[in-house]
Amino acid sequence: MTPQVACVGETMLLLTAAGPLPLDRSPLLSAGAAGAESNVACGLAALGHRAAWLGGVGEDPFGRVVVGALRDRGVDVSGVRVDPDRPTGLFAKDASPGGTTVHYYRAGSAGSALGPELARHPLVRGAQSVHLSGVTPALSPGCDALAEALLSDPALTVSFDVNHRPRLWGPGMAAPRLLALARLADVVFVGRDEAEELWGTRTARDVRDLLPDTDRLVVKDAAHGATEFHGGREVFVPAPPVEVVEPVGAGDAFAAGYLAGRLRGLGSRGRLRLGHLCAGRVLRVAGDLAAPPPPRLVDELLAVPDERWTASAAAAEAAGRGEEDG
């Protein structure tokens, strides 16, 4: 079956310690998959939607782990390209009392060798929408051309998460390129803080002024909430309070929830609420992925009045933690 959403980009093997220890002190390491676009695909699949991930892995054990991990989460991986000449990229998380340090080993990887021809893949052409992030154009000229091909194609509906990663860009390159690509997208996700770092904007409205023609612009403001701009309308939904264990992956979960809301025909408030609910689940775990709230709970929380939204969502999460702890 054709996917509802085709997610295109790089995914790497993720290595983490089995417990809250530095990598060099852990007797056991855990291997999984890590990538912005594949995280979104996993989130959509967990919410019951057909999602595919298209990218490249090496013809090596790391690549088989990545593909297997995504397949096990219900993601269509039939469009993955296995590269016999380039390795699968590697991403390691190293925990310490001062926070988590990340180490990337992606130079010359199979994921960085993608090119614009992938935009013609049948899974891309047949999907209701396509999702990618600002990580992709930073990886190589070919990946940049792929992002351009997807975003500039009028036959495709494309969502774009700016997802600025400063270490991937040369001096002065990120701001103009990411802005140019964002202006081509149908849906744009961007953090208020990253927009300020990139473009000097201070408010969500300032970001809208930079992207006045974007059909749907979603500006996320961390623990405060998220604002959707659509036409002349502006809708803000506050984020429910959550005890943060690690923020990595929360933005991808938010995007998955929001996109799932679009597939379900929810209005602006419903899409933003579902994004917050999915992001909150990831914020309170150490990994990049977490199971979304149960469907019954989602339906209940989407229906509560605005004045009860944050309190109801926080109470539901507290009850869920109590059940897990018990």
C-alpha atoms as a PDB file:
ATOM      1  CA  MET A   1       0.000   0.000   0.000  1.00  0.00           C
ATOM      2  CA  THR A   2       1.208   3.507  -0.701  1.00  0.00           C
ATOM      3  CA  PRO A   3       2.182   5.490   2.390  1.00  0.00           C
ATOM      4  CA  GLN A   4       0.198   8.425   3.655  1.00  0.00           C
ATOM      5  CA  VAL A   5       3.472  10.172   4.471  1.00  0.00           C
ATOM      6  CA  ALA A   6       6.890   9.512   2.914  1.00  0.00           C
ATOM      7  CA  CYS A   7       9.728  10.683   5.185  1.00  0.00           C
ATOM      8  CA  VAL A   8      13.003  11.284   3.333  1.00  0.00           C
ATOM      9  CA  GLY A   9      16.429  11.771   4.905  1.00  0.00           C
ATOM     10  CA  GLU A  10      19.335  10.316   6.832  1.00  0.00           C
ATOM     11  CA  THR A  11      19.081   7.694   9.573  1.00  0.00           C
ATOM     12  CA  MET A  12      22.095   6.429  11.503  1.00  0.00           C
ATOM     13  CA  LEU A  13      22.834   3.619  13.894  1.00  0.00           C
ATOM     14  CA  LEU A  14      22.364   4.918  17.441  1.00  0.00           C
ATOM     15  CA  LEU A  15      24.597   3.604  20.231  1.00  0.00           C
ATOM     16  CA  THR A  16      23.674   4.274  23.860  1.00  0.00           C
ATOM     17  CA  ALA A  17      24.701   2.858  27.202  1.00  0.00           C
ATOM     18  CA  ALA A  18      22.258   0.366  28.675  1.00  0.00           C
ATOM     19  CA  GLY A  19      21.993   2.478  31.829  1.00  0.00           C
ATOM     20  CA  PRO A  20      22.718   6.071  32.935  1.00  0.00           C
ATOM     21  CA  LEU A  21      26.470   5.632  32.448  1.00  0.00           C
ATOM     22  CA  PRO A  22      29.124   7.058  30.132  1.00  0.00           C
ATOM     23  CA  LEU A  23      29.730   4.860  27.112  1.00  0.00           C
ATOM     24  CA  ASP A  24      33.232   3.886  28.226  1.00  0.00           C
ATOM     25  CA  ARG A  25      31.951   2.711  31.619  1.00  0.00           C
ATOM     26  CA  SER A  26      28.923   0.769  30.482  1.00  0.00           C
ATOM     27  CA  PRO A  27      29.273  -3.029  30.304  1.00  0.00           C
ATOM     28  CA  LEU A  28      26.537  -3.149  27.674  1.00  0.00           C
ATOM     29  CA  LEU A  29      25.633  -0.924  24.722  1.00  0.00           C
ATOM     30  CA  SER A  30      22.243  -0.680  23.054  1.00  0.00           C
ATOM     31  CA  ALA A  31      21.915  -0.287  19.264  1.00  0.00           C
ATOM     32  CA  GLY A  32      18.977   1.321  17.478  1.00  0.00           C
ATOM     33  CA  ALA A  33      18.124   3.855  14.794  1.00  0.00           C
ATOM     34  CA  ALA A  34      18.278   7.659  14.966  1.00  0.00           C
ATOM     35  CA  GLY A  35      17.192  10.199  12.383  1.00  0.00           C
ATOM     36  CA  ALA A  36      14.803  13.137  12.324  1.00  0.00           C
ATOM     37  CA  GLU A  37      12.730  11.905   9.400  1.00  0.00           C
ATOM     38  CA  SER A  38      12.627   8.271  10.501  1.00  0.00           C
ATOM     39  CA  ASN A  39      11.591   9.420  13.991  1.00  0.00           C
ATOM     40  CA  VAL A  40       8.616  11.149  12.386  1.00  0.00           C
ATOM     41  CA  ALA A  41       7.823   8.004  10.392  1.00  0.00           C
ATOM     42  CA  CYS A  42       7.920   5.921  13.588  1.00  0.00           C
ATOM     43  CA  GLY A  43       5.672   8.414  15.355  1.00  0.00           C
ATOM     44  CA  LEU A  44       3.127   8.331  12.545  1.00  0.00           C
ATOM     45  CA  ALA A  45       3.157   4.534  12.430  1.00  0.00           C
ATOM     46  CA  ALA A  46       2.618   4.376  16.203  1.00  0.00           C
ATOM     47  CA  LEU A  47      -0.437   6.589  15.735  1.00  0.00           C
ATOM     48  CA  GLY A  48      -1.855   4.141  13.200  1.00  0.00           C
ATOM     49  CA  HIS A  49      -0.877   5.829   9.935  1.00  0.00           C
ATOM     50  CA  ARG A  50       0.961   4.412   6.933  1.00  0.00           C
ATOM     51  CA  ALA A  51       4.447   5.910   6.903  1.00  0.00           C
ATOM     52  CA  ALA A  52       7.532   5.138   4.847  1.00  0.00           C
ATOM     53  CA  TRP A  53      11.146   6.104   5.381  1.00  0.00           C
ATOM     54  CA  LEU A  54      13.372   6.533   2.333  1.00  0.00           C
ATOM     55  CA  GLY A  55      17.104   6.940   2.732  1.00  0.00           C
ATOM     56  CA  GLY A  56      20.384   5.110   2.408  1.00  0.00           C
ATOM     57  CA  VAL A  57      22.254   2.616   4.575  1.00  0.00           C
ATOM     58  CA  GLY A  58      25.434   0.673   4.025  1.00  0.00           C
ATOM     59  CA  GLU A  59      25.541  -2.968   3.093  1.00  0.00           C
ATOM     60  CA  ASP A  60      26.713  -3.746   6.612  1.00  0.00           C
ATOM     61  CA  PRO A  61      25.381  -4.955   9.990  1.00  0.00           C
ATOM     62  CA  PHE A  62      24.688  -1.383  11.120  1.00  0.00           C
ATOM     63  CA  GLY A  63      22.438  -0.841   8.121  1.00  0.00           C
ATOM     64  CA  ARG A  64      20.555  -4.057   8.823  1.00  0.00           C
ATOM     65  CA  VAL A  65      19.989  -2.957  12.423  1.00  0.00           C
ATOM     66  CA  VAL A  66      18.624   0.409  11.260  1.00  0.00           C
ATOM     67  CA  VAL A  67      16.256  -1.097   8.697  1.00  0.00           C
ATOM     68  CA  GLY A  68      15.129  -3.817  11.104  1.00  0.00           C
ATOM     69  CA  ALA A  69      14.471  -1.346  13.911  1.00  0.00           C
ATOM     70  CA  LEU A  70      12.260   0.811  11.700  1.00  0.00           C
ATOM     71  CA  ARG A  71      10.457  -2.175  10.200  1.00  0.00           C
ATOM     72  CA  ASP A  72       9.714  -3.453  13.696  1.00  0.00           C
ATOM     73  CA  ARG A  73       8.017  -0.123  14.453  1.00  0.00           C
ATOM     74  CA  GLY A  74       5.698  -0.513  11.490  1.00  0.00           C
ATOM     75  CA  VAL A  75       7.515   1.769   9.045  1.00  0.00           C
ATOM     76  CA  ASP A  76       7.622   0.876   5.341  1.00  0.00           C
ATOM     77  CA  VAL A  77      11.329   0.495   4.506  1.00  0.00           C
ATOM     78  CA  SER A  78      10.911  -0.892   0.996  1.00  0.00           C
ATOM     79  CA  GLY A  79      12.328   2.322  -0.449  1.00  0.00           C
ATOM     80  CA  VAL A  80      15.620   2.191   1.448  1.00  0.00           C
ATOM     81  CA  ARG A  81      18.720   2.133  -0.759  1.00  0.00           C
ATOM     82  CA  VAL A  82      21.457  -0.263   0.361  1.00  0.00           C
ATOM     83  CA  ASP A  83      24.826   1.148  -0.691  1.00  0.00           C
ATOM     84  CA  PRO A  84      27.589  -1.427  -1.296  1.00  0.00           C
ATOM     85  CA  ASP A  85      30.338   1.200  -1.256  1.00  0.00           C
ATOM     86  CA  ARG A  86      29.531   3.492   1.690  1.00  0.00           C
ATOM     87  CA  PRO A  87      28.981   2.699   5.367  1.00  0.00           C
ATOM     88  CA  THR A  88      25.969   3.339   7.556  1.00  0.00           C
ATOM     89  CA  GLY A  89      26.426   6.490   9.642  1.00  0.00           C
ATOM     90  CA  LEU A  90      26.934   6.160  13.392  1.00  0.00           C
ATOM     91  CA  PHE A  91      25.574   8.340  16.201  1.00  0.00           C
ATOM     92  CA  ALA A  92      26.523   7.789  19.859  1.00  0.00           C
ATOM     93  CA  LYS A  93      25.012   9.324  23.001  1.00  0.00           C
ATOM     94  CA  ASP A  94      27.399   9.643  25.946  1.00  0.00           C
ATOM     95  CA  ALA A  95      25.670  10.358  29.259  1.00  0.00           C
ATOM     96  CA  SER A  96      27.360  12.252  32.092  1.00  0.00           C
ATOM     97  CA  PRO A  97      26.251  14.169  35.213  1.00  0.00           C
ATOM     98  CA  GLY A  98      26.586  17.409  33.249  1.00  0.00           C
ATOM     99  CA  GLY A  99      24.301  16.229  30.444  1.00  0.00           C
ATOM    100  CA  THR A 100      24.432  14.110  27.313  1.00  0.00           C
ATOM    101  CA  THR A 101      27.178  14.548  24.719  1.00  0.00           C
ATOM    102  CA  VAL A 102      26.583  13.321  21.183  1.00  0.00           C
ATOM    103  CA  HIS A 103      29.201  11.998  18.777  1.00  0.00           C
ATOM    104  CA  TYR A 104      28.552  11.698  15.031  1.00  0.00           C
ATOM    105  CA  TYR A 105      30.431   9.505  12.551  1.00  0.00           C
ATOM    106  CA  ARG A 106      28.629  10.277   9.299  1.00  0.00           C
ATOM    107  CA  ALA A 107      31.258  11.613   6.845  1.00  0.00           C
ATOM    108  CA  GLY A 108      31.068   9.672   3.590  1.00  0.00           C
ATOM    109  CA  SER A 109      28.054   7.680   4.777  1.00  0.00           C
ATOM    110  CA  ALA A 110      25.410   6.067   2.591  1.00  0.00           C
ATOM    111  CA  GLY A 111      22.900   8.575   3.919  1.00  0.00           C
ATOM    112  CA  SER A 112      24.960  11.508   2.686  1.00  0.00           C
ATOM    113  CA  ALA A 113      25.092  10.063  -0.844  1.00  0.00           C
ATOM    114  CA  LEU A 114      21.394  10.602  -1.584  1.00  0.00           C
ATOM    115  CA  GLY A 115      20.542  12.694  -4.627  1.00  0.00           C
ATOM    116  CA  PRO A 116      17.586  14.304  -6.427  1.00  0.00           C
ATOM    117  CA  GLU A 117      16.683  11.071  -8.215  1.00  0.00           C
ATOM    118  CA  LEU A 118      15.099   9.876  -4.955  1.00  0.00           C
ATOM    119  CA  ALA A 119      12.377  12.513  -5.440  1.00  0.00           C
ATOM    120  CA  ARG A 120      11.075  10.369  -8.322  1.00  0.00           C
ATOM    121  CA  HIS A 121      10.660   7.210  -6.233  1.00  0.00           C
ATOM    122  CA  PRO A 122       7.157   5.678  -6.489  1.00  0.00           C
ATOM    123  CA  LEU A 123       6.680   5.846  -2.708  1.00  0.00           C
ATOM    124  CA  VAL A 124       7.343   9.579  -2.832  1.00  0.00           C
ATOM    125  CA  ARG A 125       5.123  10.169  -5.843  1.00  0.00           C
ATOM    126  CA  GLY A 126       2.279   8.102  -4.412  1.00  0.00           C
ATOM    127  CA  ALA A 127       2.268   9.509  -0.870  1.00  0.00           C
ATOM    128  CA  GLN A 128      -0.308  12.026   0.300  1.00  0.00           C
ATOM    129  CA  SER A 129       2.532  14.147   1.637  1.00  0.00           C
ATOM    130  CA  VAL A 130       6.325  14.148   2.045  1.00  0.00           C
ATOM    131  CA  HIS A 131       8.330  15.155   5.107  1.00  0.00           C
ATOM    132  CA  LEU A 132      11.979  16.179   5.402  1.00  0.00           C
ATOM    133  CA  SER A 133      14.152  18.313   7.645  1.00  0.00           C
ATOM    134  CA  GLY A 134      16.930  20.871   7.450  1.00  0.00           C
ATOM    135  CA  VAL A 135      19.458  18.178   8.321  1.00  0.00           C
ATOM    136  CA  THR A 136      19.203  16.733   4.810  1.00  0.00           C
ATOM    137  CA  PRO A 137      20.435  19.721   2.743  1.00  0.00           C
ATOM    138  CA  ALA A 138      23.391  20.171   5.096  1.00  0.00           C
ATOM    139  CA  LEU A 139      24.825  16.703   4.444  1.00  0.00           C
ATOM    140  CA  SER A 140      26.123  17.034   0.881  1.00  0.00           C
ATOM    141  CA  PRO A 141      25.460  18.820  -2.417  1.00  0.00           C
ATOM    142  CA  GLY A 142      23.458  15.802  -3.557  1.00  0.00           C
ATOM    143  CA  CYS A 143      21.292  15.884  -0.433  1.00  0.00           C
ATOM    144  CA  ASP A 144      20.777  19.612  -0.897  1.00  0.00           C
ATOM    145  CA  ALA A 145      19.644  18.976  -4.465  1.00  0.00           C
ATOM    146  CA  LEU A 146      17.260  16.306  -3.170  1.00  0.00           C
ATOM    147  CA  ALA A 147      15.699  18.753  -0.707  1.00  0.00           C
ATOM    148  CA  GLU A 148      15.332  21.339  -3.473  1.00  0.00           C
ATOM    149  CA  ALA A 149      13.740  18.791  -5.809  1.00  0.00           C
ATOM    150  CA  LEU A 150      11.161  17.740  -3.221  1.00  0.00           C
ATOM    151  CA  LEU A 151      10.287  21.217  -2.002  1.00  0.00           C
ATOM    152  CA  SER A 152      10.070  22.837  -5.429  1.00  0.00           C
ATOM    153  CA  ASP A 153       7.824  20.160  -6.970  1.00  0.00           C
ATOM    154  CA  PRO A 154       4.278  21.564  -7.281  1.00  0.00           C
ATOM    155  CA  ALA A 155       2.866  18.030  -7.483  1.00  0.00           C
ATOM    156  CA  LEU A 156       4.016  17.238  -3.932  1.00  0.00           C
ATOM    157  CA  THR A 157       2.692  18.446  -0.582  1.00  0.00           C
ATOM    158  CA  VAL A 158       5.808  18.815   1.564  1.00  0.00           C
ATOM    159  CA  SER A 159       6.357  19.529   5.253  1.00  0.00           C
ATOM    160  CA  PHE A 160       9.757  20.851   6.312  1.00  0.00           C
ATOM    161  CA  ASP A 161      11.198  20.932   9.815  1.00  0.00           C
ATOM    162  CA  VAL A 162      13.955  23.578   9.864  1.00  0.00           C
ATOM    163  CA  ASN A 163      15.874  21.482  12.437  1.00  0.00           C
ATOM    164  CA  HIS A 164      18.999  23.655  12.434  1.00  0.00           C
ATOM    165  CA  ARG A 165      22.161  21.727  13.320  1.00  0.00           C
ATOM    166  CA  PRO A 166      24.984  24.324  13.433  1.00  0.00           C
ATOM    167  CA  ARG A 167      27.816  21.771  13.281  1.00  0.00           C
ATOM    168  CA  LEU A 168      26.652  20.600   9.854  1.00  0.00           C
ATOM    169  CA  TRP A 169      26.874  24.008   8.187  1.00  0.00           C
ATOM    170  CA  GLY A 170      29.748  26.208   7.117  1.00  0.00           C
ATOM    171  CA  PRO A 171      29.951  29.791   8.420  1.00  0.00           C
ATOM    172  CA  GLY A 172      27.081  31.939   7.205  1.00  0.00           C
ATOM    173  CA  MET A 173      25.532  29.173   5.101  1.00  0.00           C
ATOM    174  CA  ALA A 174      22.643  27.902   7.228  1.00  0.00           C
ATOM    175  CA  ALA A 175      20.474  31.010   7.601  1.00  0.00           C
ATOM    176  CA  PRO A 176      19.948  31.911   3.919  1.00  0.00           C
ATOM    177  CA  ARG A 177      19.687  28.329   2.715  1.00  0.00           C
ATOM    178  CA  LEU A 178      17.221  27.148   5.340  1.00  0.00           C
ATOM    179  CA  LEU A 179      15.095  30.249   4.803  1.00  0.00           C
ATOM    180  CA  ALA A 180      15.033  29.684   1.045  1.00  0.00           C
ATOM    181  CA  LEU A 181      14.003  26.061   1.482  1.00  0.00           C
ATOM    182  CA  ALA A 182      11.390  26.879   4.117  1.00  0.00           C
ATOM    183  CA  ARG A 183       9.779  29.357   1.732  1.00  0.00           C
ATOM    184  CA  LEU A 184       9.174  26.478  -0.703  1.00  0.00           C
ATOM    185  CA  ALA A 185       7.380  24.220   1.806  1.00  0.00           C
ATOM    186  CA  ASP A 186       3.648  23.786   2.320  1.00  0.00           C
ATOM    187  CA  VAL A 187       4.064  23.187   6.059  1.00  0.00           C
ATOM    188  CA  VAL A 188       7.008  24.516   8.093  1.00  0.00           C
ATOM    189  CA  PHE A 189       7.990  23.587  11.652  1.00  0.00           C
ATOM    190  CA  VAL A 190      10.513  25.811  13.417  1.00  0.00           C
ATOM    191  CA  GLY A 191      11.458  26.532  17.003  1.00  0.00           C
ATOM    192  CA  ARG A 192      11.158  30.150  18.113  1.00  0.00           C
ATOM    193  CA  ASP A 193      14.660  29.940  19.599  1.00  0.00           C
ATOM    194  CA  GLU A 194      16.251  28.439  16.483  1.00  0.00           C
ATOM    195  CA  ALA A 195      14.534  31.046  14.301  1.00  0.00           C
ATOM    196  CA  GLU A 196      16.026  33.746  16.518  1.00  0.00           C
ATOM    197  CA  GLU A 197      19.472  32.160  16.235  1.00  0.00           C
ATOM    198  CA  LEU A 198      19.184  31.807  12.456  1.00  0.00           C
ATOM    199  CA  TRP A 199      17.288  34.877  11.362  1.00  0.00           C
ATOM    200  CA  GLY A 200      17.227  37.256  14.335  1.00  0.00           C
ATOM    201  CA  THR A 201      13.456  36.975  14.831  1.00  0.00           C
ATOM    202  CA  ARG A 202      12.185  37.316  18.394  1.00  0.00           C
ATOM    203  CA  THR A 203       8.523  36.331  18.222  1.00  0.00           C
ATOM    204  CA  ALA A 204       6.331  33.876  16.346  1.00  0.00           C
ATOM    205  CA  ARG A 205       4.800  36.808  14.481  1.00  0.00           C
ATOM    206  CA  ASP A 206       8.289  37.885  13.364  1.00  0.00           C
ATOM    207  CA  VAL A 207       8.809  34.421  11.870  1.00  0.00           C
ATOM    208  CA  ARG A 208       5.492  34.714  10.068  1.00  0.00           C
ATOM    209  CA  ASP A 209       6.659  38.005   8.561  1.00  0.00           C
ATOM    210  CA  LEU A 210       9.656  36.132   7.103  1.00  0.00           C
ATOM    211  CA  LEU A 211       7.429  33.353   5.740  1.00  0.00           C
ATOM    212  CA  PRO A 212       4.215  35.167   4.792  1.00  0.00           C
ATOM    213  CA  ASP A 213       3.268  32.814   1.960  1.00  0.00           C
ATOM    214  CA  THR A 214       3.766  29.490   3.775  1.00  0.00           C
ATOM    215  CA  ASP A 215       0.404  27.735   3.849  1.00  0.00           C
ATOM    216  CA  ARG A 216       0.847  26.471   7.418  1.00  0.00           C
ATOM    217  CA  LEU A 217       3.641  27.726   9.645  1.00  0.00           C
ATOM    218  CA  VAL A 218       4.086  26.167  13.083  1.00  0.00           C
ATOM    219  CA  VAL A 219       6.354  28.014  15.518  1.00  0.00           C
ATOM    220  CA  LYS A 220       7.219  25.991  18.629  1.00  0.00           C
ATOM    221  CA  ASP A 221       8.221  27.859  21.760  1.00  0.00           C
ATOM    222  CA  ALA A 222       9.556  25.078  24.000  1.00  0.00           C
ATOM    223  CA  ALA A 223       7.589  24.757  27.240  1.00  0.00           C
ATOM    224  CA  HIS A 224       5.336  27.738  26.440  1.00  0.00           C
ATOM    225  CA  GLY A 225       3.430  26.270  23.504  1.00  0.00           C
ATOM    226  CA  ALA A 226       3.095  26.352  19.733  1.00  0.00           C
ATOM    227  CA  THR A 227       1.473  28.736  17.257  1.00  0.00           C
ATOM    228  CA  GLU A 228       0.036  27.816  13.874  1.00  0.00           C
ATOM    229  CA  PHE A 229      -0.321  30.475  11.182  1.00  0.00           C
ATOM    230  CA  HIS A 230      -2.665  29.713   8.291  1.00  0.00           C
ATOM    231  CA  GLY A 231      -3.773  32.482   5.990  1.00  0.00           C
ATOM    232  CA  GLY A 232      -4.698  35.355   8.266  1.00  0.00           C
ATOM    233  CA  ARG A 233      -5.433  33.106  11.241  1.00  0.00           C
ATOM    234  CA  GLU A 234      -3.129  32.621  14.229  1.00  0.00           C
ATOM    235  CA  VAL A 235      -3.833  29.837  16.755  1.00  0.00           C
ATOM    236  CA  PHE A 236      -1.784  29.286  19.913  1.00  0.00           C
ATOM    237  CA  VAL A 237      -2.006  26.152  22.082  1.00  0.00           C
ATOM    238  CA  PRO A 238      -0.019  26.077  25.333  1.00  0.00           C
ATOM    239  CA  ALA A 239       2.200  23.092  26.082  1.00  0.00           C
ATOM    240  CA  PRO A 240       1.144  20.995  29.093  1.00  0.00           C
ATOM    241  CA  PRO A 241       3.784  20.890  31.851  1.00  0.00           C
ATOM    242  CA  VAL A 242       6.004  17.818  31.706  1.00  0.00           C
ATOM    243  CA  GLU A 243       8.991  16.557  33.663  1.00  0.00           C
ATOM    244  CA  VAL A 244      11.768  16.603  31.062  1.00  0.00           C
ATOM    245  CA  VAL A 245      14.254  13.719  31.062  1.00  0.00           C
ATOM    246  CA  GLU A 246      15.813  14.523  27.669  1.00  0.00           C
ATOM    247  CA  PRO A 247      14.603  16.852  24.905  1.00  0.00           C
ATOM    248  CA  VAL A 248      16.099  14.984  21.920  1.00  0.00           C
ATOM    249  CA  GLY A 249      13.387  13.684  19.604  1.00  0.00           C
ATOM    250  CA  ALA A 250      10.556  15.787  21.018  1.00  0.00           C
ATOM    251  CA  GLY A 251      10.419  18.035  17.957  1.00  0.00           C
ATOM    252  CA  ASP A 252      10.102  15.004  15.690  1.00  0.00           C
ATOM    253  CA  ALA A 253       7.317  13.623  17.891  1.00  0.00           C
ATOM    254  CA  PHE A 254       5.528  16.969  17.728  1.00  0.00           C
ATOM    255  CA  ALA A 255       5.750  16.933  13.927  1.00  0.00           C
ATOM    256  CA  ALA A 256       4.397  13.368  13.825  1.00  0.00           C
ATOM    257  CA  GLY A 257       1.459  14.294  16.034  1.00  0.00           C
ATOM    258  CA  TYR A 258       0.685  17.431  14.039  1.00  0.00           C
ATOM    259  CA  LEU A 259       0.874  15.590  10.705  1.00  0.00           C
ATOM    260  CA  ALA A 260      -1.313  12.802  12.084  1.00  0.00           C
ATOM    261  CA  GLY A 261      -3.823  15.469  13.051  1.00  0.00           C
ATOM    262  CA  ARG A 262      -3.846  16.728   9.461  1.00  0.00           C
ATOM    263  CA  LEU A 263      -4.449  13.204   8.168  1.00  0.00           C
ATOM    264  CA  ARG A 264      -7.372  12.875  10.581  1.00  0.00           C
ATOM    265  CA  GLY A 265      -8.897  16.155   9.488  1.00  0.00           C
ATOM    266  CA  LEU A 266      -8.450  17.867  12.846  1.00  0.00           C
ATOM    267  CA  GLY A 267      -8.585  21.631  13.105  1.00  0.00           C
ATOM    268  CA  SER A 268      -5.668  23.815  14.126  1.00  0.00           C
ATOM    269  CA  ARG A 269      -6.155  23.322  17.873  1.00  0.00           C
ATOM    270  CA  GLY A 270      -6.498  19.568  17.499  1.00  0.00           C
ATOM    271  CA  ARG A 271      -3.321  19.297  15.408  1.00  0.00           C
ATOM    272  CA  LEU A 272      -1.319  21.367  17.879  1.00  0.00           C
ATOM    273  CA  ARG A 273      -2.707  19.470  20.862  1.00  0.00           C
ATOM    274  CA  LEU A 274      -1.829  16.102  19.335  1.00  0.00           C
ATOM    275  CA  GLY A 275       1.656  17.425  18.609  1.00  0.00           C
ATOM    276  CA  HIS A 276       2.075  18.465  22.248  1.00  0.00           C
ATOM    277  CA  LEU A 277       0.798  15.118  23.527  1.00  0.00           C
ATOM    278  CA  CYS A 278       3.263  13.154  21.404  1.00  0.00           C
ATOM    279  CA  ALA A 279       6.173  15.483  22.233  1.00  0.00           C
ATOM    280  CA  GLY A 280       5.411  15.219  25.952  1.00  0.00           C
ATOM    281  CA  ARG A 281       5.734  11.446  25.840  1.00  0.00           C
ATOM    282  CA  VAL A 282       9.225  11.708  24.320  1.00  0.00           C
ATOM    283  CA  LEU A 283      10.346  14.475  26.683  1.00  0.00           C
ATOM    284  CA  ARG A 284       9.937  12.216  29.689  1.00  0.00           C
ATOM    285  CA  VAL A 285      12.046   9.318  28.377  1.00  0.00           C
ATOM    286  CA  ALA A 286      15.777   9.032  27.638  1.00  0.00           C
ATOM    287  CA  GLY A 287      15.334   7.843  24.057  1.00  0.00           C
ATOM    288  CA  ASP A 288      14.271   9.554  20.831  1.00  0.00           C
ATOM    289  CA  LEU A 289      10.977   7.641  20.624  1.00  0.00           C
ATOM    290  CA  ALA A 290       8.085   6.871  22.936  1.00  0.00           C
ATOM    291  CA  ALA A 291       4.655   5.332  22.556  1.00  0.00           C
ATOM    292  CA  PRO A 292       1.949   7.960  22.008  1.00  0.00           C
ATOM    293  CA  PRO A 293      -0.952   8.265  24.441  1.00  0.00           C
ATOM    294  CA  PRO A 294      -3.639   5.588  24.038  1.00  0.00           C
ATOM    295  CA  PRO A 295      -6.285   6.467  21.413  1.00  0.00           C
ATOM    296  CA  ARG A 296      -9.074   6.767  23.984  1.00  0.00           C
ATOM    297  CA  LEU A 297      -7.034   9.252  26.008  1.00  0.00           C
ATOM    298  CA  VAL A 298      -6.150  11.220  22.886  1.00  0.00           C
ATOM    299  CA  ASP A 299      -9.826  11.522  21.988  1.00  0.00           C
ATOM    300  CA  GLU A 300     -10.676  12.708  25.492  1.00  0.00           C
ATOM    301  CA  LEU A 301      -7.931  15.330  25.583  1.00  0.00           C
ATOM    302  CA  LEU A 302      -8.686  16.637  22.114  1.00  0.00           C
ATOM    303  CA  ALA A 303     -12.256  17.286  23.230  1.00  0.00           C
ATOM    304  CA  VAL A 304     -11.664  19.189  26.493  1.00  0.00           C
ATOM    305  CA  PRO A 305     -12.376  22.947  26.520  1.00  0.00           C
ATOM    306  CA  ASP A 306      -9.435  25.310  26.099  1.00  0.00           C
ATOM    307  CA  GLU A 307      -9.497  26.413  29.739  1.00  0.00           C
ATOM    308  CA  ARG A 308      -9.061  22.799  30.904  1.00  0.00           C
ATOM    309  CA  TRP A 309      -6.551  21.678  28.271  1.00  0.00           C
ATOM    310  CA  THR A 310      -3.207  21.986  30.072  1.00  0.00           C
ATOM    311  CA  ALA A 311      -4.518  20.789  33.450  1.00  0.00           C
ATOM    312  CA  SER A 312      -6.283  17.792  31.894  1.00  0.00           C
ATOM    313  CA  ALA A 313      -3.243  16.799  29.820  1.00  0.00           C
ATOM    314  CA  ALA A 314      -0.891  17.135  32.800  1.00  0.00           C
ATOM    315  CA  ALA A 315      -3.232  15.079  35.014  1.00  0.00           C
ATOM    316  CA  ALA A 316      -3.480  12.362  32.367  1.00  0.00           C
ATOM    317  CA  GLU A 317       0.306  12.160  32.078  1.00  0.00           C
ATOM    318  CA  ALA A 318       0.689  12.006  35.870  1.00  0.00           C
ATOM    319  CA  ALA A 319      -1.846   9.174  36.025  1.00  0.00           C
ATOM    320  CA  GLY A 320       0.003   7.363  33.246  1.00  0.00           C
ATOM    321  CA  ARG A 321       3.294   7.652  35.104  1.00  0.00           C
ATOM    322  CA  GLY A 322       1.661   6.264  38.215  1.00  0.00           C
ATOM    323  CA  GLU A 323       0.380   3.260  36.310  1.00  0.00           C
ATOM    324  CA  GLU A 324       3.821   2.643  34.786  1.00  0.00           C
ATOM    325  CA  ASP A 325       5.547   2.948  38.150  1.00  0.00           C
ATOM    326  CA  GLY A 326       3.031   0.570  39.713  1.00  0.00           C
END
